[in-house]
Amino acid sequence: MLISARPSASWDWVGQALSALCIVHCVALPLMWGLLPSAAAEMLEGEWLHQALIGFVGITALAAFVPGFFLHRRVSVPGLAVLALVLLFGAAFLLPEEHEGFEAFETGLTLGGGALMTCAHWRNRMLCRECCAPPAPPTS
């Protein structure tokens, strides 16, 4: 359910979904190359896509982890998210695109970053749920 009394709960769901899609993208794209025309595969693989998605990941992370931190006060959750963003940013911007030998390393960084971000969103949701459970309805 995306509607919640805690505004960042929706962002945690969005963040987890984006992270999961990122992982699926990284794993499934090599398999889809045989099924897609090469132009479509190139479009899905392009560096521009990875670089553009970093913006969405960052916005989602801020929207979920800042309010979440103010509720549960656990530094480990945004710390895990920052580590995930560093891995994702490094894969998208710091590795040279023209060297083919870096493709496996880039995929590993992206998968690792996506997995860490998924875990961070899950942990944020669980901690916020523990400290901010909705009050029980009044009994009459």
Protein backbone atom coordinates (compact mmCIF):
# COMPACT_ATOMS: atom_id res chain seq x y z
CA MET A 1 0.00 0.00 0.00
CA LEU A 2 1.52 3.34 -1.06
CA ILE A 3 -0.67 5.58 1.11
CA SER A 4 0.74 6.05 4.58
CA ALA A 5 0.63 8.41 7.52
CA ARG A 6 4.40 8.70 7.11
CA PRO A 7 5.13 10.56 3.85
CA SER A 8 8.46 8.89 3.25
CA ALA A 9 6.86 5.41 3.32
CA SER A 10 5.70 5.96 -0.25
CA TRP A 11 9.20 7.04 -1.21
CA ASP A 12 10.64 3.88 0.35
CA TRP A 13 8.31 1.82 -1.86
CA VAL A 14 9.30 3.85 -4.92
CA GLY A 15 12.96 3.54 -4.02
CA GLN A 16 12.75 -0.20 -3.54
CA ALA A 17 10.91 -0.58 -6.84
CA LEU A 18 13.50 1.51 -8.69
CA SER A 19 16.35 -0.42 -7.09
CA ALA A 20 14.74 -3.73 -8.00
CA LEU A 21 14.19 -2.53 -11.58
CA CYS A 22 17.83 -1.50 -11.73
CA ILE A 23 18.90 -4.99 -10.70
CA VAL A 24 16.52 -6.60 -13.20
CA HIS A 25 17.83 -4.26 -15.90
CA CYS A 26 21.43 -5.25 -15.19
CA VAL A 27 20.70 -8.96 -15.10
CA ALA A 28 18.14 -9.17 -17.91
CA LEU A 29 19.73 -6.84 -20.46
CA PRO A 30 22.41 -9.32 -21.57
CA LEU A 31 19.68 -11.93 -22.03
CA MET A 32 17.50 -9.51 -24.00
CA TRP A 33 20.29 -8.65 -26.44
CA GLY A 34 19.51 -11.79 -28.36
CA LEU A 35 15.82 -10.91 -28.55
CA LEU A 36 15.91 -7.18 -29.24
CA PRO A 37 17.09 -5.39 -32.34
CA SER A 38 20.52 -3.92 -31.69
CA ALA A 39 19.21 -0.32 -31.74
CA ALA A 40 16.80 -1.04 -28.87
CA ALA A 41 19.50 -2.85 -26.90
CA GLU A 42 21.89 0.09 -27.36
CA MET A 43 19.25 2.51 -26.13
CA LEU A 44 18.70 0.46 -22.96
CA GLU A 45 22.43 0.08 -22.35
CA GLY A 46 23.53 3.65 -22.99
CA GLU A 47 25.46 5.58 -20.37
CA TRP A 48 22.94 8.40 -20.60
CA LEU A 49 20.29 6.11 -19.12
CA HIS A 50 22.43 5.20 -16.12
CA GLN A 51 23.41 8.81 -15.56
CA ALA A 52 19.82 10.04 -15.78
CA LEU A 53 18.61 7.38 -13.35
CA ILE A 54 21.12 8.55 -10.72
CA GLY A 55 19.07 11.74 -10.43
CA PHE A 56 15.86 9.81 -9.79
CA VAL A 57 17.63 7.56 -7.29
CA GLY A 58 19.05 10.57 -5.44
CA ILE A 59 15.71 12.39 -5.24
CA THR A 60 13.94 9.24 -4.05
CA ALA A 61 16.65 8.61 -1.47
CA LEU A 62 16.39 12.14 -0.08
CA ALA A 63 12.60 11.98 0.03
CA ALA A 64 12.67 8.68 1.94
CA PHE A 65 15.76 8.79 4.15
CA VAL A 66 15.70 12.36 5.47
CA PRO A 67 12.19 12.13 7.00
CA GLY A 68 12.90 8.53 8.01
CA PHE A 69 16.06 9.55 9.86
CA PHE A 70 14.16 12.22 11.78
CA LEU A 71 11.77 9.51 12.95
CA HIS A 72 14.11 6.66 13.87
CA ARG A 73 17.46 8.49 14.29
CA ARG A 74 19.50 5.55 13.01
CA VAL A 75 22.56 6.79 11.11
CA SER A 76 23.18 3.35 9.62
CA VAL A 77 20.22 3.65 7.24
CA PRO A 78 21.20 6.86 5.45
CA GLY A 79 24.82 5.68 5.68
CA LEU A 80 23.92 2.55 3.74
CA ALA A 81 22.06 4.71 1.21
CA VAL A 82 25.09 6.99 0.78
CA LEU A 83 27.31 3.96 0.18
CA ALA A 84 24.82 2.72 -2.42
CA LEU A 85 24.79 6.13 -4.13
CA VAL A 86 28.60 6.20 -4.19
CA LEU A 87 28.67 2.81 -5.93
CA LEU A 88 25.97 3.82 -8.41
CA PHE A 89 27.58 7.20 -9.08
CA GLY A 90 30.97 5.57 -9.58
CA ALA A 91 29.54 3.08 -12.05
CA ALA A 92 27.67 5.78 -14.01
CA PHE A 93 30.19 8.61 -14.05
CA LEU A 94 33.69 7.55 -13.00
CA LEU A 95 34.44 4.47 -15.09
CA PRO A 96 35.69 5.18 -18.60
CA GLU A 97 33.08 4.22 -21.17
CA GLU A 98 35.53 3.50 -23.95
CA HIS A 99 37.29 0.62 -22.14
CA GLU A 100 35.49 -2.68 -22.63
CA GLY A 101 37.31 -4.29 -19.72
CA PHE A 102 35.38 -2.14 -17.26
CA GLU A 103 31.92 -3.39 -18.27
CA ALA A 104 31.89 -6.25 -15.77
CA PHE A 105 33.19 -3.96 -13.03
CA GLU A 106 30.52 -1.36 -13.88
CA THR A 107 27.81 -4.02 -13.75
CA GLY A 108 29.11 -5.23 -10.39
CA LEU A 109 29.12 -1.73 -8.94
CA THR A 110 25.62 -1.09 -10.25
CA LEU A 111 24.26 -4.38 -8.91
CA GLY A 112 25.93 -3.82 -5.56
CA GLY A 113 24.61 -0.27 -5.34
CA GLY A 114 21.11 -1.34 -6.32
CA ALA A 115 21.11 -4.15 -3.76
CA LEU A 116 22.39 -1.85 -0.99
CA MET A 117 19.79 0.78 -1.86
CA THR A 118 17.02 -1.83 -1.76
CA CYS A 119 18.23 -2.96 1.68
CA ALA A 120 18.44 0.64 2.90
CA HIS A 121 14.86 1.39 1.82
CA TRP A 122 13.63 -1.84 3.40
CA ARG A 123 15.43 -1.10 6.67
CA ASN A 124 14.15 2.49 6.68
CA ARG A 125 10.59 1.26 6.25
CA MET A 126 10.94 -1.30 9.03
CA LEU A 127 12.45 1.19 11.50
CA CYS A 128 9.82 3.80 10.74
CA ARG A 129 7.08 1.23 11.15
CA GLU A 130 8.49 0.20 14.56
CA CYS A 131 8.73 3.70 15.96
CA CYS A 132 5.67 5.17 14.31
CA ALA A 133 3.02 2.49 14.39
CA PRO A 134 -0.43 3.97 13.84
CA PRO A 135 -2.45 4.33 17.03
CA ALA A 136 -5.01 1.67 17.74
CA PRO A 137 -8.57 2.70 16.89
CA PRO A 138 -10.61 3.80 19.90
CA THR A 139 -12.83 1.14 21.38
CA SER A 140 -16.36 2.05 22.31
